[in-house]
Amino acid sequence: IYENPVSVYAASRLGQPRVNILPADL
């Protein structure tokens, strides 16, 4: 789940600090 989350929500459940969610075109 940490390495292959199926969604933004799943990605945000594990990991400290939390995964950074940014615009894809950044």
mmCIF file of all heavy atoms, coordinates in Angstrom:
data_MODEL
# 
_entry.id   MODEL 
# 
loop_
_atom_site.group_PDB 
_atom_site.id 
_atom_site.type_symbol 
_atom_site.label_atom_id 
_atom_site.label_alt_id 
_atom_site.label_comp_id 
_atom_site.label_asym_id 
_atom_site.label_entity_id 
_atom_site.label_seq_id 
_atom_site.pdbx_PDB_ins_code 
_atom_site.Cartn_x 
_atom_site.Cartn_y 
_atom_site.Cartn_z 
_atom_site.occupancy 
_atom_site.B_iso_or_equiv 
_atom_site.pdbx_formal_charge 
_atom_site.auth_seq_id 
_atom_site.auth_comp_id 
_atom_site.auth_asym_id 
_atom_site.auth_atom_id 
_atom_site.pdbx_PDB_model_num 
ATOM 1   N N   . ILE A 1 1  ? 0.832   -1.207 0.000   1.00 0.00 ? 1  ILE A N   1 
ATOM 2   C CA  . ILE A 1 1  ? 0.000   0.000  0.000   1.00 0.00 ? 1  ILE A CA  1 
ATOM 3   C C   . ILE A 1 1  ? 0.861   1.250  0.000   1.00 0.00 ? 1  ILE A C   1 
ATOM 4   O O   . ILE A 1 1  ? 0.532   2.250  -0.655  1.00 0.00 ? 1  ILE A O   1 
ATOM 5   C CB  . ILE A 1 1  ? -0.967  -0.026 1.196   1.00 0.00 ? 1  ILE A CB  1 
ATOM 6   C CG1 . ILE A 1 1  ? -1.976  -1.163 0.995   1.00 0.00 ? 1  ILE A CG1 1 
ATOM 7   C CG2 . ILE A 1 1  ? -1.677  1.313  1.363   1.00 0.00 ? 1  ILE A CG2 1 
ATOM 8   C CD1 . ILE A 1 1  ? -2.929  -1.370 2.128   1.00 0.00 ? 1  ILE A CD1 1 
ATOM 9   N N   . TYR A 1 2  ? 1.983   1.201  0.700   1.00 0.00 ? 2  TYR A N   1 
ATOM 10  C CA  . TYR A 1 2  ? 2.882   2.357  0.713   1.00 0.00 ? 2  TYR A CA  1 
ATOM 11  C C   . TYR A 1 2  ? 3.488   2.595  -0.666  1.00 0.00 ? 2  TYR A C   1 
ATOM 12  O O   . TYR A 1 2  ? 3.529   3.724  -1.150  1.00 0.00 ? 2  TYR A O   1 
ATOM 13  C CB  . TYR A 1 2  ? 3.999   2.141  1.739   1.00 0.00 ? 2  TYR A CB  1 
ATOM 14  C CG  . TYR A 1 2  ? 4.968   3.304  1.847   1.00 0.00 ? 2  TYR A CG  1 
ATOM 15  C CD1 . TYR A 1 2  ? 4.679   4.393  2.663   1.00 0.00 ? 2  TYR A CD1 1 
ATOM 16  C CD2 . TYR A 1 2  ? 6.161   3.322  1.122   1.00 0.00 ? 2  TYR A CD2 1 
ATOM 17  C CE1 . TYR A 1 2  ? 5.550   5.470  2.759   1.00 0.00 ? 2  TYR A CE1 1 
ATOM 18  C CE2 . TYR A 1 2  ? 7.033   4.388  1.208   1.00 0.00 ? 2  TYR A CE2 1 
ATOM 19  C CZ  . TYR A 1 2  ? 6.729   5.459  2.035   1.00 0.00 ? 2  TYR A CZ  1 
ATOM 20  O OH  . TYR A 1 2  ? 7.590   6.532  2.119   1.00 0.00 ? 2  TYR A OH  1 
ATOM 21  N N   . GLU A 1 3  ? 3.939   1.538  -1.334  1.00 0.00 ? 3  GLU A N   1 
ATOM 22  C CA  . GLU A 1 3  ? 4.638   1.692  -2.608  1.00 0.00 ? 3  GLU A CA  1 
ATOM 23  C C   . GLU A 1 3  ? 3.713   1.750  -3.811  1.00 0.00 ? 3  GLU A C   1 
ATOM 24  O O   . GLU A 1 3  ? 4.056   2.357  -4.827  1.00 0.00 ? 3  GLU A O   1 
ATOM 25  C CB  . GLU A 1 3  ? 5.633   0.541  -2.794  1.00 0.00 ? 3  GLU A CB  1 
ATOM 26  C CG  . GLU A 1 3  ? 6.783   0.563  -1.791  1.00 0.00 ? 3  GLU A CG  1 
ATOM 27  C CD  . GLU A 1 3  ? 7.780   -0.558 -2.023  1.00 0.00 ? 3  GLU A CD  1 
ATOM 28  O OE1 . GLU A 1 3  ? 7.458   -1.498 -2.790  1.00 0.00 ? 3  GLU A OE1 1 
ATOM 29  O OE2 . GLU A 1 3  ? 8.870   -0.497 -1.428  1.00 0.00 ? 3  GLU A OE2 1 
ATOM 30  N N   . ASN A 1 4  ? 2.530   1.126  -3.700  1.00 0.00 ? 4  ASN A N   1 
ATOM 31  C CA  . ASN A 1 4  ? 1.611   1.072  -4.845  1.00 0.00 ? 4  ASN A CA  1 
ATOM 32  C C   . ASN A 1 4  ? 0.180   1.419  -4.441  1.00 0.00 ? 4  ASN A C   1 
ATOM 33  O O   . ASN A 1 4  ? -0.735  0.595  -4.575  1.00 0.00 ? 4  ASN A O   1 
ATOM 34  C CB  . ASN A 1 4  ? 1.651   -0.319 -5.495  1.00 0.00 ? 4  ASN A CB  1 
ATOM 35  C CG  . ASN A 1 4  ? 2.973   -0.607 -6.164  1.00 0.00 ? 4  ASN A CG  1 
ATOM 36  O OD1 . ASN A 1 4  ? 3.353   0.074  -7.110  1.00 0.00 ? 4  ASN A OD1 1 
ATOM 37  N ND2 . ASN A 1 4  ? 3.679   -1.605 -5.660  1.00 0.00 ? 4  ASN A ND2 1 
ATOM 38  N N   . PRO A 1 5  ? -0.042  2.640  -3.928  1.00 0.00 ? 5  PRO A N   1 
ATOM 39  C CA  . PRO A 1 5  ? -1.415  3.019  -3.548  1.00 0.00 ? 5  PRO A CA  1 
ATOM 40  C C   . PRO A 1 5  ? -2.298  3.135  -4.783  1.00 0.00 ? 5  PRO A C   1 
ATOM 41  O O   . PRO A 1 5  ? -1.833  3.547  -5.850  1.00 0.00 ? 5  PRO A O   1 
ATOM 42  C CB  . PRO A 1 5  ? -1.212  4.389  -2.881  1.00 0.00 ? 5  PRO A CB  1 
ATOM 43  C CG  . PRO A 1 5  ? 0.016   4.947  -3.532  1.00 0.00 ? 5  PRO A CG  1 
ATOM 44  C CD  . PRO A 1 5  ? 0.917   3.754  -3.762  1.00 0.00 ? 5  PRO A CD  1 
ATOM 45  N N   . VAL A 1 6  ? -3.574  2.759  -4.626  1.00 0.00 ? 6  VAL A N   1 
ATOM 46  C CA  . VAL A 1 6  ? -4.478  2.790  -5.778  1.00 0.00 ? 6  VAL A CA  1 
ATOM 47  C C   . VAL A 1 6  ? -5.123  4.154  -5.963  1.00 0.00 ? 6  VAL A C   1 
ATOM 48  O O   . VAL A 1 6  ? -5.768  4.395  -6.982  1.00 0.00 ? 6  VAL A O   1 
ATOM 49  C CB  . VAL A 1 6  ? -5.584  1.723  -5.635  1.00 0.00 ? 6  VAL A CB  1 
ATOM 50  C CG1 . VAL A 1 6  ? -4.977  0.331  -5.579  1.00 0.00 ? 6  VAL A CG1 1 
ATOM 51  C CG2 . VAL A 1 6  ? -6.454  1.975  -4.401  1.00 0.00 ? 6  VAL A CG2 1 
ATOM 52  N N   . SER A 1 7  ? -4.955  5.043  -4.981  1.00 0.00 ? 7  SER A N   1 
ATOM 53  C CA  . SER A 1 7  ? -5.610  6.348  -5.055  1.00 0.00 ? 7  SER A CA  1 
ATOM 54  C C   . SER A 1 7  ? -4.873  7.349  -4.172  1.00 0.00 ? 7  SER A C   1 
ATOM 55  O O   . SER A 1 7  ? -4.015  6.979  -3.353  1.00 0.00 ? 7  SER A O   1 
ATOM 56  C CB  . SER A 1 7  ? -7.071  6.246  -4.601  1.00 0.00 ? 7  SER A CB  1 
ATOM 57  O OG  . SER A 1 7  ? -7.131  5.901  -3.222  1.00 0.00 ? 7  SER A OG  1 
ATOM 58  N N   . VAL A 1 8  ? -5.235  8.625  -4.340  1.00 0.00 ? 8  VAL A N   1 
ATOM 59  C CA  . VAL A 1 8  ? -4.702  9.678  -3.468  1.00 0.00 ? 8  VAL A CA  1 
ATOM 60  C C   . VAL A 1 8  ? -5.027  9.353  -2.021  1.00 0.00 ? 8  VAL A C   1 
ATOM 61  O O   . VAL A 1 8  ? -4.194  9.505  -1.119  1.00 0.00 ? 8  VAL A O   1 
ATOM 62  C CB  . VAL A 1 8  ? -5.291  11.054 -3.852  1.00 0.00 ? 8  VAL A CB  1 
ATOM 63  C CG1 . VAL A 1 8  ? -4.958  12.101 -2.781  1.00 0.00 ? 8  VAL A CG1 1 
ATOM 64  C CG2 . VAL A 1 8  ? -4.769  11.515 -5.197  1.00 0.00 ? 8  VAL A CG2 1 
ATOM 65  N N   . TYR A 1 9  ? -6.250  8.897  -1.793  1.00 0.00 ? 9  TYR A N   1 
ATOM 66  C CA  . TYR A 1 9  ? -6.693  8.597  -0.431  1.00 0.00 ? 9  TYR A CA  1 
ATOM 67  C C   . TYR A 1 9  ? -5.838  7.502  0.189   1.00 0.00 ? 9  TYR A C   1 
ATOM 68  O O   . TYR A 1 9  ? -5.365  7.626  1.324   1.00 0.00 ? 9  TYR A O   1 
ATOM 69  C CB  . TYR A 1 9  ? -8.164  8.174  -0.448  1.00 0.00 ? 9  TYR A CB  1 
ATOM 70  C CG  . TYR A 1 9  ? -8.714  7.838  0.913   1.00 0.00 ? 9  TYR A CG  1 
ATOM 71  C CD1 . TYR A 1 9  ? -9.163  8.844  1.763   1.00 0.00 ? 9  TYR A CD1 1 
ATOM 72  C CD2 . TYR A 1 9  ? -8.774  6.519  1.357   1.00 0.00 ? 9  TYR A CD2 1 
ATOM 73  C CE1 . TYR A 1 9  ? -9.656  8.546  3.017   1.00 0.00 ? 9  TYR A CE1 1 
ATOM 74  C CE2 . TYR A 1 9  ? -9.270  6.211  2.603   1.00 0.00 ? 9  TYR A CE2 1 
ATOM 75  C CZ  . TYR A 1 9  ? -9.715  7.227  3.436   1.00 0.00 ? 9  TYR A CZ  1 
ATOM 76  O OH  . TYR A 1 9  ? -10.191 6.932  4.682   1.00 0.00 ? 9  TYR A OH  1 
ATOM 77  N N   . ALA A 1 10 ? -5.613  6.415  -0.536  1.00 0.00 ? 10 ALA A N   1 
ATOM 78  C CA  . ALA A 1 10 ? -4.797  5.317  -0.012  1.00 0.00 ? 10 ALA A CA  1 
ATOM 79  C C   . ALA A 1 10 ? -3.368  5.767  0.225   1.00 0.00 ? 10 ALA A C   1 
ATOM 80  O O   . ALA A 1 10 ? -2.744  5.400  1.230   1.00 0.00 ? 10 ALA A O   1 
ATOM 81  C CB  . ALA A 1 10 ? -4.827  4.134  -0.973  1.00 0.00 ? 10 ALA A CB  1 
ATOM 82  N N   . ALA A 1 11 ? -2.834  6.583  -0.669  1.00 0.00 ? 11 ALA A N   1 
ATOM 83  C CA  . ALA A 1 11 ? -1.455  7.072  -0.523  1.00 0.00 ? 11 ALA A CA  1 
ATOM 84  C C   . ALA A 1 11 ? -1.292  7.903  0.738   1.00 0.00 ? 11 ALA A C   1 
ATOM 85  O O   . ALA A 1 11 ? -0.236  7.885  1.380   1.00 0.00 ? 11 ALA A O   1 
ATOM 86  C CB  . ALA A 1 11 ? -1.059  7.889  -1.749  1.00 0.00 ? 11 ALA A CB  1 
ATOM 87  N N   . SER A 1 12 ? -2.346  8.628  1.108   1.00 0.00 ? 12 SER A N   1 
ATOM 88  C CA  . SER A 1 12 ? -2.254  9.531  2.258   1.00 0.00 ? 12 SER A CA  1 
ATOM 89  C C   . SER A 1 12 ? -2.392  8.812  3.589   1.00 0.00 ? 12 SER A C   1 
ATOM 90  O O   . SER A 1 12 ? -2.139  9.392  4.646   1.00 0.00 ? 12 SER A O   1 
ATOM 91  C CB  . SER A 1 12 ? -3.328  10.619 2.159   1.00 0.00 ? 12 SER A CB  1 
ATOM 92  O OG  . SER A 1 12 ? -4.626  10.067 2.335   1.00 0.00 ? 12 SER A OG  1 
ATOM 93  N N   . ARG A 1 13 ? -2.784  7.517  3.573   1.00 0.00 ? 13 ARG A N   1 
ATOM 94  C CA  . ARG A 1 13 ? -2.996  6.788  4.826   1.00 0.00 ? 13 ARG A CA  1 
ATOM 95  C C   . ARG A 1 13 ? -1.695  6.343  5.474   1.00 0.00 ? 13 ARG A C   1 
ATOM 96  O O   . ARG A 1 13 ? -1.642  6.159  6.686   1.00 0.00 ? 13 ARG A O   1 
ATOM 97  C CB  . ARG A 1 13 ? -3.857  5.547  4.579   1.00 0.00 ? 13 ARG A CB  1 
ATOM 98  C CG  . ARG A 1 13 ? -5.298  5.798  4.236   1.00 0.00 ? 13 ARG A CG  1 
ATOM 99  C CD  . ARG A 1 13 ? -6.033  6.527  5.336   1.00 0.00 ? 13 ARG A CD  1 
ATOM 100 N NE  . ARG A 1 13 ? -6.230  7.934  5.013   1.00 0.00 ? 13 ARG A NE  1 
ATOM 101 C CZ  . ARG A 1 13 ? -6.558  8.861  5.888   1.00 0.00 ? 13 ARG A CZ  1 
ATOM 102 N NH1 . ARG A 1 13 ? -6.685  8.573  7.161   1.00 0.00 ? 13 ARG A NH1 1 
ATOM 103 N NH2 . ARG A 1 13 ? -6.735  10.099 5.508   1.00 0.00 ? 13 ARG A NH2 1 
ATOM 104 N N   . LEU A 1 14 ? -0.643  6.108  4.671   1.00 0.00 ? 14 LEU A N   1 
ATOM 105 C CA  . LEU A 1 14 ? 0.625   5.633  5.214   1.00 0.00 ? 14 LEU A CA  1 
ATOM 106 C C   . LEU A 1 14 ? 1.751   6.570  4.811   1.00 0.00 ? 14 LEU A C   1 
ATOM 107 O O   . LEU A 1 14 ? 1.767   7.089  3.696   1.00 0.00 ? 14 LEU A O   1 
ATOM 108 C CB  . LEU A 1 14 ? 0.949   4.220  4.706   1.00 0.00 ? 14 LEU A CB  1 
ATOM 109 C CG  . LEU A 1 14 ? 0.084   3.071  5.217   1.00 0.00 ? 14 LEU A CG  1 
ATOM 110 C CD1 . LEU A 1 14 ? 0.486   1.766  4.534   1.00 0.00 ? 14 LEU A CD1 1 
ATOM 111 C CD2 . LEU A 1 14 ? 0.188   2.924  6.721   1.00 0.00 ? 14 LEU A CD2 1 
ATOM 112 N N   . GLY A 1 15 ? 2.710   6.738  5.718   1.00 0.00 ? 15 GLY A N   1 
ATOM 113 C CA  . GLY A 1 15 ? 3.903   7.521  5.413   1.00 0.00 ? 15 GLY A CA  1 
ATOM 114 C C   . GLY A 1 15 ? 3.991   8.791  6.232   1.00 0.00 ? 15 GLY A C   1 
ATOM 115 O O   . GLY A 1 15 ? 3.023   9.542  6.342   1.00 0.00 ? 15 GLY A O   1 
ATOM 116 N N   . GLN A 1 16 ? 5.161   8.998  6.843   1.00 0.00 ? 16 GLN A N   1 
ATOM 117 C CA  . GLN A 1 16 ? 5.445   10.227 7.567   1.00 0.00 ? 16 GLN A CA  1 
ATOM 118 C C   . GLN A 1 16 ? 6.792   10.763 7.128   1.00 0.00 ? 16 GLN A C   1 
ATOM 119 O O   . GLN A 1 16 ? 7.779   10.041 7.207   1.00 0.00 ? 16 GLN A O   1 
ATOM 120 C CB  . GLN A 1 16 ? 5.458   9.972  9.090   1.00 0.00 ? 16 GLN A CB  1 
ATOM 121 C CG  . GLN A 1 16 ? 4.100   9.783  9.713   1.00 0.00 ? 16 GLN A CG  1 
ATOM 122 C CD  . GLN A 1 16 ? 3.266   11.059 9.703   1.00 0.00 ? 16 GLN A CD  1 
ATOM 123 O OE1 . GLN A 1 16 ? 3.812   12.157 9.540   1.00 0.00 ? 16 GLN A OE1 1 
ATOM 124 N NE2 . GLN A 1 16 ? 1.968   10.934 9.858   1.00 0.00 ? 16 GLN A NE2 1 
ATOM 125 N N   . PRO A 1 17 ? 6.848   12.013 6.630   1.00 0.00 ? 17 PRO A N   1 
ATOM 126 C CA  . PRO A 1 17 ? 5.719   12.915 6.431   1.00 0.00 ? 17 PRO A CA  1 
ATOM 127 C C   . PRO A 1 17 ? 4.782   12.415 5.330   1.00 0.00 ? 17 PRO A C   1 
ATOM 128 O O   . PRO A 1 17 ? 5.153   11.563 4.530   1.00 0.00 ? 17 PRO A O   1 
ATOM 129 C CB  . PRO A 1 17 ? 6.387   14.233 6.028   1.00 0.00 ? 17 PRO A CB  1 
ATOM 130 C CG  . PRO A 1 17 ? 7.711   13.841 5.479   1.00 0.00 ? 17 PRO A CG  1 
ATOM 131 C CD  . PRO A 1 17 ? 8.136   12.621 6.225   1.00 0.00 ? 17 PRO A CD  1 
ATOM 132 N N   . ARG A 1 18 ? 3.584   12.981 5.321   1.00 0.00 ? 18 ARG A N   1 
ATOM 133 C CA  . ARG A 1 18 ? 2.575   12.539 4.363   1.00 0.00 ? 18 ARG A CA  1 
ATOM 134 C C   . ARG A 1 18 ? 3.034   12.805 2.936   1.00 0.00 ? 18 ARG A C   1 
ATOM 135 O O   . ARG A 1 18 ? 3.846   13.688 2.664   1.00 0.00 ? 18 ARG A O   1 
ATOM 136 C CB  . ARG A 1 18 ? 1.255   13.278 4.594   1.00 0.00 ? 18 ARG A CB  1 
ATOM 137 C CG  . ARG A 1 18 ? 0.459   12.755 5.756   1.00 0.00 ? 18 ARG A CG  1 
ATOM 138 C CD  . ARG A 1 18 ? -0.884  13.454 5.863   1.00 0.00 ? 18 ARG A CD  1 
ATOM 139 N NE  . ARG A 1 18 ? -1.739  13.191 4.694   1.00 0.00 ? 18 ARG A NE  1 
ATOM 140 C CZ  . ARG A 1 18 ? -2.997  13.575 4.604   1.00 0.00 ? 18 ARG A CZ  1 
ATOM 141 N NH1 . ARG A 1 18 ? -3.572  14.227 5.602   1.00 0.00 ? 18 ARG A NH1 1 
ATOM 142 N NH2 . ARG A 1 18 ? -3.702  13.303 3.534   1.00 0.00 ? 18 ARG A NH2 1 
ATOM 143 N N   . VAL A 1 19 ? 2.489   12.012 2.017   1.00 0.00 ? 19 VAL A N   1 
ATOM 144 C CA  . VAL A 1 19 ? 2.771   12.197 0.605   1.00 0.00 ? 19 VAL A CA  1 
ATOM 145 C C   . VAL A 1 19 ? 2.364   13.617 0.188   1.00 0.00 ? 19 VAL A C   1 
ATOM 146 O O   . VAL A 1 19 ? 1.339   14.149 0.630   1.00 0.00 ? 19 VAL A O   1 
ATOM 147 C CB  . VAL A 1 19 ? 2.022   11.144 -0.238  1.00 0.00 ? 19 VAL A CB  1 
ATOM 148 C CG1 . VAL A 1 19 ? 0.504   11.270 -0.073  1.00 0.00 ? 19 VAL A CG1 1 
ATOM 149 C CG2 . VAL A 1 19 ? 2.428   11.209 -1.699  1.00 0.00 ? 19 VAL A CG2 1 
ATOM 150 N N   . ASN A 1 20 ? 3.185   14.246 -0.626  1.00 0.00 ? 20 ASN A N   1 
ATOM 151 C CA  . ASN A 1 20 ? 2.864   15.570 -1.171  1.00 0.00 ? 20 ASN A CA  1 
ATOM 152 C C   . ASN A 1 20 ? 1.989   15.397 -2.401  1.00 0.00 ? 20 ASN A C   1 
ATOM 153 O O   . ASN A 1 20 ? 2.363   14.671 -3.336  1.00 0.00 ? 20 ASN A O   1 
ATOM 154 C CB  . ASN A 1 20 ? 4.153   16.302 -1.574  1.00 0.00 ? 20 ASN A CB  1 
ATOM 155 C CG  . ASN A 1 20 ? 5.089   16.550 -0.403  1.00 0.00 ? 20 ASN A CG  1 
ATOM 156 O OD1 . ASN A 1 20 ? 4.896   17.488 0.370   1.00 0.00 ? 20 ASN A OD1 1 
ATOM 157 N ND2 . ASN A 1 20 ? 6.121   15.713 -0.270  1.00 0.00 ? 20 ASN A ND2 1 
ATOM 158 N N   . ILE A 1 21 ? 0.827   16.023 -2.418  1.00 0.00 ? 21 ILE A N   1 
ATOM 159 C CA  . ILE A 1 21 ? -0.060  15.983 -3.581  1.00 0.00 ? 21 ILE A CA  1 
ATOM 160 C C   . ILE A 1 21 ? -0.038  17.361 -4.239  1.00 0.00 ? 21 ILE A C   1 
ATOM 161 O O   . ILE A 1 21 ? -0.426  18.364 -3.629  1.00 0.00 ? 21 ILE A O   1 
ATOM 162 C CB  . ILE A 1 21 ? -1.499  15.601 -3.185  1.00 0.00 ? 21 ILE A CB  1 
ATOM 163 C CG1 . ILE A 1 21 ? -1.498  14.248 -2.461  1.00 0.00 ? 21 ILE A CG1 1 
ATOM 164 C CG2 . ILE A 1 21 ? -2.389  15.554 -4.417  1.00 0.00 ? 21 ILE A CG2 1 
ATOM 165 C CD1 . ILE A 1 21 ? -1.001  13.081 -3.286  1.00 0.00 ? 21 ILE A CD1 1 
ATOM 166 N N   . LEU A 1 22 ? 0.422   17.400 -5.486  1.00 0.00 ? 22 LEU A N   1 
ATOM 167 C CA  . LEU A 1 22 ? 0.658   18.652 -6.198  1.00 0.00 ? 22 LEU A CA  1 
ATOM 168 C C   . LEU A 1 22 ? 0.077   18.559 -7.609  1.00 0.00 ? 22 LEU A C   1 
ATOM 169 O O   . LEU A 1 22 ? -0.195  17.460 -8.100  1.00 0.00 ? 22 LEU A O   1 
ATOM 170 C CB  . LEU A 1 22 ? 2.174   18.921 -6.283  1.00 0.00 ? 22 LEU A CB  1 
ATOM 171 C CG  . LEU A 1 22 ? 2.935   18.939 -4.951  1.00 0.00 ? 22 LEU A CG  1 
ATOM 172 C CD1 . LEU A 1 22 ? 4.419   18.734 -5.190  1.00 0.00 ? 22 LEU A CD1 1 
ATOM 173 C CD2 . LEU A 1 22 ? 2.675   20.243 -4.215  1.00 0.00 ? 22 LEU A CD2 1 
ATOM 174 N N   . PRO A 1 23 ? -0.116  19.700 -8.286  1.00 0.00 ? 23 PRO A N   1 
ATOM 175 C CA  . PRO A 1 23 ? -0.597  19.641 -9.674  1.00 0.00 ? 23 PRO A CA  1 
ATOM 176 C C   . PRO A 1 23 ? 0.372   18.860 -10.554 1.00 0.00 ? 23 PRO A C   1 
ATOM 177 O O   . PRO A 1 23 ? 1.595   19.034 -10.452 1.00 0.00 ? 23 PRO A O   1 
ATOM 178 C CB  . PRO A 1 23 ? -0.660  21.117 -10.084 1.00 0.00 ? 23 PRO A CB  1 
ATOM 179 C CG  . PRO A 1 23 ? -0.775  21.875 -8.799  1.00 0.00 ? 23 PRO A CG  1 
ATOM 180 C CD  . PRO A 1 23 ? 0.012   21.093 -7.801  1.00 0.00 ? 23 PRO A CD  1 
ATOM 181 N N   . ALA A 1 24 ? -0.168  18.002 -11.402 1.00 0.00 ? 24 ALA A N   1 
ATOM 182 C CA  . ALA A 1 24 ? 0.687   17.139 -12.230 1.00 0.00 ? 24 ALA A CA  1 
ATOM 183 C C   . ALA A 1 24 ? 1.568   17.939 -13.161 1.00 0.00 ? 24 ALA A C   1 
ATOM 184 O O   . ALA A 1 24 ? 2.681   17.508 -13.493 1.00 0.00 ? 24 ALA A O   1 
ATOM 185 C CB  . ALA A 1 24 ? -0.180  16.159 -13.017 1.00 0.00 ? 24 ALA A CB  1 
ATOM 186 N N   . ASP A 1 25 ? 1.096   19.120 -13.612 1.00 0.00 ? 25 ASP A N   1 
ATOM 187 C CA  . ASP A 1 25 ? 1.881   19.912 -14.555 1.00 0.00 ? 25 ASP A CA  1 
ATOM 188 C C   . ASP A 1 25 ? 2.937   20.781 -13.881 1.00 0.00 ? 25 ASP A C   1 
ATOM 189 O O   . ASP A 1 25 ? 3.609   21.576 -14.530 1.00 0.00 ? 25 ASP A O   1 
ATOM 190 C CB  . ASP A 1 25 ? 0.973   20.778 -15.424 1.00 0.00 ? 25 ASP A CB  1 
ATOM 191 C CG  . ASP A 1 25 ? 0.122   21.760 -14.605 1.00 0.00 ? 25 ASP A CG  1 
ATOM 192 O OD1 . ASP A 1 25 ? 0.303   21.820 -13.360 1.00 0.00 ? 25 ASP A OD1 1 
ATOM 193 O OD2 . ASP A 1 25 ? -0.718  22.460 -15.205 1.00 0.00 ? 25 ASP A OD2 1 
ATOM 194 N N   . LEU A 1 26 ? 3.085   20.613 -12.557 1.00 0.00 ? 26 LEU A N   1 
ATOM 195 C CA  . LEU A 1 26 ? 4.127   21.367 -11.853 1.00 0.00 ? 26 LEU A CA  1 
ATOM 196 C C   . LEU A 1 26 ? 5.505   20.934 -12.343 1.00 0.00 ? 26 LEU A C   1 
ATOM 197 O O   . LEU A 1 26 ? 6.443   21.719 -12.371 1.00 0.00 ? 26 LEU A O   1 
ATOM 198 C CB  . LEU A 1 26 ? 4.011   21.121 -10.344 1.00 0.00 ? 26 LEU A CB  1 
ATOM 199 C CG  . LEU A 1 26 ? 4.747   22.074 -9.417  1.00 0.00 ? 26 LEU A CG  1 
ATOM 200 C CD1 . LEU A 1 26 ? 4.243   23.501 -9.570  1.00 0.00 ? 26 LEU A CD1 1 
ATOM 201 C CD2 . LEU A 1 26 ? 4.595   21.622 -7.969  1.00 0.00 ? 26 LEU A CD2 1 
# 
